[in-house]
Amino acid sequence: MLSEIDEYQSIIRRFEELEVKLEPLLEQARERSAQLLGKVNVLNTVINTLSEEVELC
């Protein structure tokens, strides 16, 4: 996802006249990236919690 954000930013830098049209798409990419990172963080926390329980048994 970060490469998607980077690519939008790169295109906007190269073609400043497209910024108004591309900015909403860039913002959507940022939101998707944040949501995906949140899901990954939750899964990591769950896995770590479960592995700690197994170690205690």
PDB file of N, CA and C in Angstrom:
ATOM      1  N   MET A   1       0.810  -1.200   0.000  1.00  0.00           N
ATOM      2  CA  MET A   1       0.000   0.000   0.000  1.00  0.00           C
ATOM      3  C   MET A   1       0.852   1.263   0.000  1.00  0.00           C
ATOM      4  N   LEU A   2       1.982   1.186   0.692  1.00  0.00           N
ATOM      5  CA  LEU A   2       2.814   2.381   0.711  1.00  0.00           C
ATOM      6  C   LEU A   2       3.329   2.715  -0.676  1.00  0.00           C
ATOM      7  N   SER A   3       3.594   1.688  -1.475  1.00  0.00           N
ATOM      8  CA  SER A   3       4.046   1.980  -2.836  1.00  0.00           C
ATOM      9  C   SER A   3       2.945   2.675  -3.632  1.00  0.00           C
ATOM     10  N   GLU A   4       1.691   2.358  -3.324  1.00  0.00           N
ATOM     11  CA  GLU A   4       0.572   3.042  -3.977  1.00  0.00           C
ATOM     12  C   GLU A   4       0.579   4.524  -3.598  1.00  0.00           C
ATOM     13  N   ILE A   5       0.760   4.802  -2.333  1.00  0.00           N
ATOM     14  CA  ILE A   5       0.819   6.184  -1.859  1.00  0.00           C
ATOM     15  C   ILE A   5       2.003   6.905  -2.479  1.00  0.00           C
ATOM     16  N   ASP A   6       3.147   6.235  -2.470  1.00  0.00           N
ATOM     17  CA  ASP A   6       4.350   6.833  -3.066  1.00  0.00           C
ATOM     18  C   ASP A   6       4.139   7.165  -4.538  1.00  0.00           C
ATOM     19  N   GLU A   7       3.470   6.278  -5.246  1.00  0.00           N
ATOM     20  CA  GLU A   7       3.256   6.506  -6.680  1.00  0.00           C
ATOM     21  C   GLU A   7       2.318   7.690  -6.919  1.00  0.00           C
ATOM     22  N   TYR A   8       1.248   7.791  -6.138  1.00  0.00           N
ATOM     23  CA  TYR A   8       0.370   8.967  -6.258  1.00  0.00           C
ATOM     24  C   TYR A   8       1.166  10.244  -6.012  1.00  0.00           C
ATOM     25  N   GLN A   9       1.975  10.244  -4.968  1.00  0.00           N
ATOM     26  CA  GLN A   9       2.761  11.435  -4.646  1.00  0.00           C
ATOM     27  C   GLN A   9       3.746  11.766  -5.759  1.00  0.00           C
ATOM     28  N   SER A  10       4.345  10.750  -6.329  1.00  0.00           N
ATOM     29  CA  SER A  10       5.288  10.958  -7.424  1.00  0.00           C
ATOM     30  C   SER A  10       4.603  11.565  -8.647  1.00  0.00           C
ATOM     31  N   ILE A  11       3.442  11.038  -8.984  1.00  0.00           N
ATOM     32  CA  ILE A  11       2.702  11.558 -10.145  1.00  0.00           C
ATOM     33  C   ILE A  11       2.268  12.995  -9.898  1.00  0.00           C
ATOM     34  N   ILE A  12       1.817  13.272  -8.682  1.00  0.00           N
ATOM     35  CA  ILE A  12       1.393  14.640  -8.348  1.00  0.00           C
ATOM     36  C   ILE A  12       2.570  15.608  -8.441  1.00  0.00           C
ATOM     37  N   ARG A  13       3.745  15.170  -8.017  1.00  0.00           N
ATOM     38  CA  ARG A  13       4.926  16.039  -8.134  1.00  0.00           C
ATOM     39  C   ARG A  13       5.276  16.297  -9.604  1.00  0.00           C
ATOM     40  N   ARG A  14       5.163  15.263 -10.425  1.00  0.00           N
ATOM     41  CA  ARG A  14       5.527  15.413 -11.841  1.00  0.00           C
ATOM     42  C   ARG A  14       4.480  16.174 -12.641  1.00  0.00           C
ATOM     43  N   PHE A  15       3.209  15.999 -12.258  1.00  0.00           N
ATOM     44  CA  PHE A  15       2.110  16.617 -13.002  1.00  0.00           C
ATOM     45  C   PHE A  15       1.230  17.395 -12.030  1.00  0.00           C
ATOM     46  N   GLU A  16       1.717  18.543 -11.622  1.00  0.00           N
ATOM     47  CA  GLU A  16       1.023  19.337 -10.599  1.00  0.00           C
ATOM     48  C   GLU A  16      -0.406  19.689 -10.997  1.00  0.00           C
ATOM     49  N   GLU A  17      -0.661  19.763 -12.288  1.00  0.00           N
ATOM     50  CA  GLU A  17      -2.012  20.105 -12.748  1.00  0.00           C
ATOM     51  C   GLU A  17      -3.022  19.001 -12.428  1.00  0.00           C
ATOM     52  N   LEU A  18      -2.551  17.811 -12.086  1.00  0.00           N
ATOM     53  CA  LEU A  18      -3.450  16.701 -11.744  1.00  0.00           C
ATOM     54  C   LEU A  18      -3.746  16.606 -10.248  1.00  0.00           C
ATOM     55  N   GLU A  19      -3.113  17.454  -9.463  1.00  0.00           N
ATOM     56  CA  GLU A  19      -3.229  17.340  -8.007  1.00  0.00           C
ATOM     57  C   GLU A  19      -4.678  17.371  -7.528  1.00  0.00           C
ATOM     58  N   VAL A  20      -5.478  18.268  -8.065  1.00  0.00           N
ATOM     59  CA  VAL A  20      -6.871  18.386  -7.609  1.00  0.00           C
ATOM     60  C   VAL A  20      -7.628  17.082  -7.856  1.00  0.00           C
ATOM     61  N   LYS A  21      -7.370  16.434  -8.977  1.00  0.00           N
ATOM     62  CA  LYS A  21      -8.072  15.188  -9.293  1.00  0.00           C
ATOM     63  C   LYS A  21      -7.495  13.994  -8.535  1.00  0.00           C
ATOM     64  N   LEU A  22      -6.191  14.007  -8.297  1.00  0.00           N
ATOM     65  CA  LEU A  22      -5.551  12.847  -7.687  1.00  0.00           C
ATOM     66  C   LEU A  22      -5.533  12.880  -6.165  1.00  0.00           C
ATOM     67  N   GLU A  23      -5.667  14.043  -5.578  1.00  0.00           N
ATOM     68  CA  GLU A  23      -5.614  14.161  -4.119  1.00  0.00           C
ATOM     69  C   GLU A  23      -6.661  13.286  -3.422  1.00  0.00           C
ATOM     70  N   PRO A  24      -7.920  13.248  -3.896  1.00  0.00           N
ATOM     71  CA  PRO A  24      -8.890  12.347  -3.242  1.00  0.00           C
ATOM     72  C   PRO A  24      -8.481  10.875  -3.348  1.00  0.00           C
ATOM     73  N   LEU A  25      -7.890  10.490  -4.463  1.00  0.00           N
ATOM     74  CA  LEU A  25      -7.436   9.107  -4.625  1.00  0.00           C
ATOM     75  C   LEU A  25      -6.270   8.803  -3.692  1.00  0.00           C
ATOM     76  N   LEU A  26      -5.393   9.773  -3.527  1.00  0.00           N
ATOM     77  CA  LEU A  26      -4.275   9.627  -2.596  1.00  0.00           C
ATOM     78  C   LEU A  26      -4.797   9.463  -1.173  1.00  0.00           C
ATOM     79  N   GLU A  27      -5.787  10.253  -0.808  1.00  0.00           N
ATOM     80  CA  GLU A  27      -6.359  10.165   0.539  1.00  0.00           C
ATOM     81  C   GLU A  27      -7.017   8.803   0.754  1.00  0.00           C
ATOM     82  N   GLN A  28      -7.702   8.289  -0.252  1.00  0.00           N
ATOM     83  CA  GLN A  28      -8.312   6.957  -0.143  1.00  0.00           C
ATOM     84  C   GLN A  28      -7.242   5.889   0.047  1.00  0.00           C
ATOM     85  N   ALA A  29      -6.146   6.010  -0.668  1.00  0.00           N
ATOM     86  CA  ALA A  29      -5.042   5.054  -0.526  1.00  0.00           C
ATOM     87  C   ALA A  29      -4.467   5.111   0.885  1.00  0.00           C
ATOM     88  N   ARG A  30      -4.355   6.303   1.435  1.00  0.00           N
ATOM     89  CA  ARG A  30      -3.852   6.448   2.811  1.00  0.00           C
ATOM     90  C   ARG A  30      -4.796   5.778   3.810  1.00  0.00           C
ATOM     91  N   GLU A  31      -6.096   5.971   3.603  1.00  0.00           N
ATOM     92  CA  GLU A  31      -7.081   5.372   4.505  1.00  0.00           C
ATOM     93  C   GLU A  31      -7.038   3.849   4.424  1.00  0.00           C
ATOM     94  N   ARG A  32      -6.940   3.308   3.202  1.00  0.00           N
ATOM     95  CA  ARG A  32      -6.852   1.854   3.042  1.00  0.00           C
ATOM     96  C   ARG A  32      -5.597   1.310   3.717  1.00  0.00           C
ATOM     97  N   SER A  33      -4.514   2.030   3.570  1.00  0.00           N
ATOM     98  CA  SER A  33      -3.253   1.613   4.180  1.00  0.00           C
ATOM     99  C   SER A  33      -3.371   1.596   5.705  1.00  0.00           C
ATOM    100  N   ALA A  34      -3.980   2.630   6.257  1.00  0.00           N
ATOM    101  CA  ALA A  34      -4.152   2.710   7.712  1.00  0.00           C
ATOM    102  C   ALA A  34      -5.054   1.585   8.211  1.00  0.00           C
ATOM    103  N   GLN A  35      -6.121   1.294   7.475  1.00  0.00           N
ATOM    104  CA  GLN A  35      -7.029   0.216   7.873  1.00  0.00           C
ATOM    105  C   GLN A  35      -6.325  -1.135   7.819  1.00  0.00           C
ATOM    106  N   LEU A  36      -5.552  -1.352   6.768  1.00  0.00           N
ATOM    107  CA  LEU A  36      -4.830  -2.612   6.639  1.00  0.00           C
ATOM    108  C   LEU A  36      -3.802  -2.765   7.756  1.00  0.00           C
ATOM    109  N   LEU A  37      -3.081  -1.695   8.058  1.00  0.00           N
ATOM    110  CA  LEU A  37      -2.105  -1.740   9.142  1.00  0.00           C
ATOM    111  C   LEU A  37      -2.793  -2.032  10.473  1.00  0.00           C
ATOM    112  N   GLY A  38      -3.957  -1.453  10.679  1.00  0.00           N
ATOM    113  CA  GLY A  38      -4.711  -1.718  11.902  1.00  0.00           C
ATOM    114  C   GLY A  38      -5.078  -3.185  12.025  1.00  0.00           C
ATOM    115  N   LYS A  39      -5.504  -3.796  10.929  1.00  0.00           N
ATOM    116  CA  LYS A  39      -5.858  -5.216  10.946  1.00  0.00           C
ATOM    117  C   LYS A  39      -4.630  -6.076  11.232  1.00  0.00           C
ATOM    118  N   VAL A  40      -3.514  -5.740  10.621  1.00  0.00           N
ATOM    119  CA  VAL A  40      -2.276  -6.484  10.859  1.00  0.00           C
ATOM    120  C   VAL A  40      -1.862  -6.365  12.326  1.00  0.00           C
ATOM    121  N   ASN A  41      -1.972  -5.178  12.886  1.00  0.00           N
ATOM    122  CA  ASN A  41      -1.610  -4.979  14.297  1.00  0.00           C
ATOM    123  C   ASN A  41      -2.488  -5.811  15.222  1.00  0.00           C
ATOM    124  N   VAL A  42      -3.783  -5.870  14.929  1.00  0.00           N
ATOM    125  CA  VAL A  42      -4.693  -6.678  15.748  1.00  0.00           C
ATOM    126  C   VAL A  42      -4.298  -8.149  15.670  1.00  0.00           C
ATOM    127  N   LEU A  43      -4.039  -8.636  14.462  1.00  0.00           N
ATOM    128  CA  LEU A  43      -3.656 -10.041  14.309  1.00  0.00           C
ATOM    129  C   LEU A  43      -2.351 -10.347  15.043  1.00  0.00           C
ATOM    130  N   ASN A  44      -1.386  -9.448  14.970  1.00  0.00           N
ATOM    131  CA  ASN A  44      -0.133  -9.640  15.707  1.00  0.00           C
ATOM    132  C   ASN A  44      -0.374  -9.701  17.208  1.00  0.00           C
ATOM    133  N   THR A  45      -1.227  -8.827  17.704  1.00  0.00           N
ATOM    134  CA  THR A  45      -1.535  -8.815  19.133  1.00  0.00           C
ATOM    135  C   THR A  45      -2.211 -10.112  19.554  1.00  0.00           C
ATOM    136  N   VAL A  46      -3.162 -10.577  18.752  1.00  0.00           N
ATOM    137  CA  VAL A  46      -3.859 -11.830  19.063  1.00  0.00           C
ATOM    138  C   VAL A  46      -2.873 -12.998  19.061  1.00  0.00           C
ATOM    139  N   ILE A  47      -2.035 -13.070  18.046  1.00  0.00           N
ATOM    140  CA  ILE A  47      -1.051 -14.157  17.959  1.00  0.00           C
ATOM    141  C   ILE A  47      -0.103 -14.120  19.152  1.00  0.00           C
ATOM    142  N   ASN A  48       0.386 -12.947  19.498  1.00  0.00           N
ATOM    143  CA  ASN A  48       1.289 -12.828  20.652  1.00  0.00           C
ATOM    144  C   ASN A  48       0.602 -13.231  21.950  1.00  0.00           C
ATOM    145  N   THR A  49      -0.644 -12.819  22.116  1.00  0.00           N
ATOM    146  CA  THR A  49      -1.398 -13.167  23.321  1.00  0.00           C
ATOM    147  C   THR A  49      -1.599 -14.669  23.412  1.00  0.00           C
ATOM    148  N   LEU A  50      -1.974 -15.289  22.305  1.00  0.00           N
ATOM    149  CA  LEU A  50      -2.198 -16.732  22.306  1.00  0.00           C
ATOM    150  C   LEU A  50      -0.898 -17.502  22.531  1.00  0.00           C
ATOM    151  N   SER A  51       0.184 -17.025  21.969  1.00  0.00           N
ATOM    152  CA  SER A  51       1.462 -17.729  22.155  1.00  0.00           C
ATOM    153  C   SER A  51       1.946 -17.592  23.596  1.00  0.00           C
ATOM    154  N   GLU A  52       1.650 -16.475  24.250  1.00  0.00           N
ATOM    155  CA  GLU A  52       2.004 -16.315  25.666  1.00  0.00           C
ATOM    156  C   GLU A  52       1.213 -17.292  26.525  1.00  0.00           C
ATOM    157  N   GLU A  53      -0.060 -17.502  26.185  1.00  0.00           N
ATOM    158  CA  GLU A  53      -0.889 -18.448  26.931  1.00  0.00           C
ATOM    159  C   GLU A  53      -0.356 -19.866  26.778  1.00  0.00           C
ATOM    160  N   VAL A  54       0.087 -20.218  25.589  1.00  0.00           N
ATOM    161  CA  VAL A  54       0.625 -21.555  25.346  1.00  0.00           C
ATOM    162  C   VAL A  54       1.904 -21.751  26.151  1.00  0.00           C
ATOM    163  N   GLU A  55       2.742 -20.731  26.241  1.00  0.00           N
ATOM    164  CA  GLU A  55       3.987 -20.825  27.005  1.00  0.00           C
ATOM    165  C   GLU A  55       3.711 -21.029  28.491  1.00  0.00           C
ATOM    166  N   LEU A  56       2.621 -20.448  28.994  1.00  0.00           N
ATOM    167  CA  LEU A  56       2.292 -20.580  30.408  1.00  0.00           C
ATOM    168  C   LEU A  56       1.784 -21.979  30.748  1.00  0.00           C
ATOM    169  N   CYS A  57       1.241 -22.686  29.795  1.00  0.00           N
ATOM    170  CA  CYS A  57       0.667 -24.017  30.049  1.00  0.00           C
ATOM    171  C   CYS A  57       1.700 -25.047  30.171  1.00  0.00           C
TER     172      CYS A  57
END
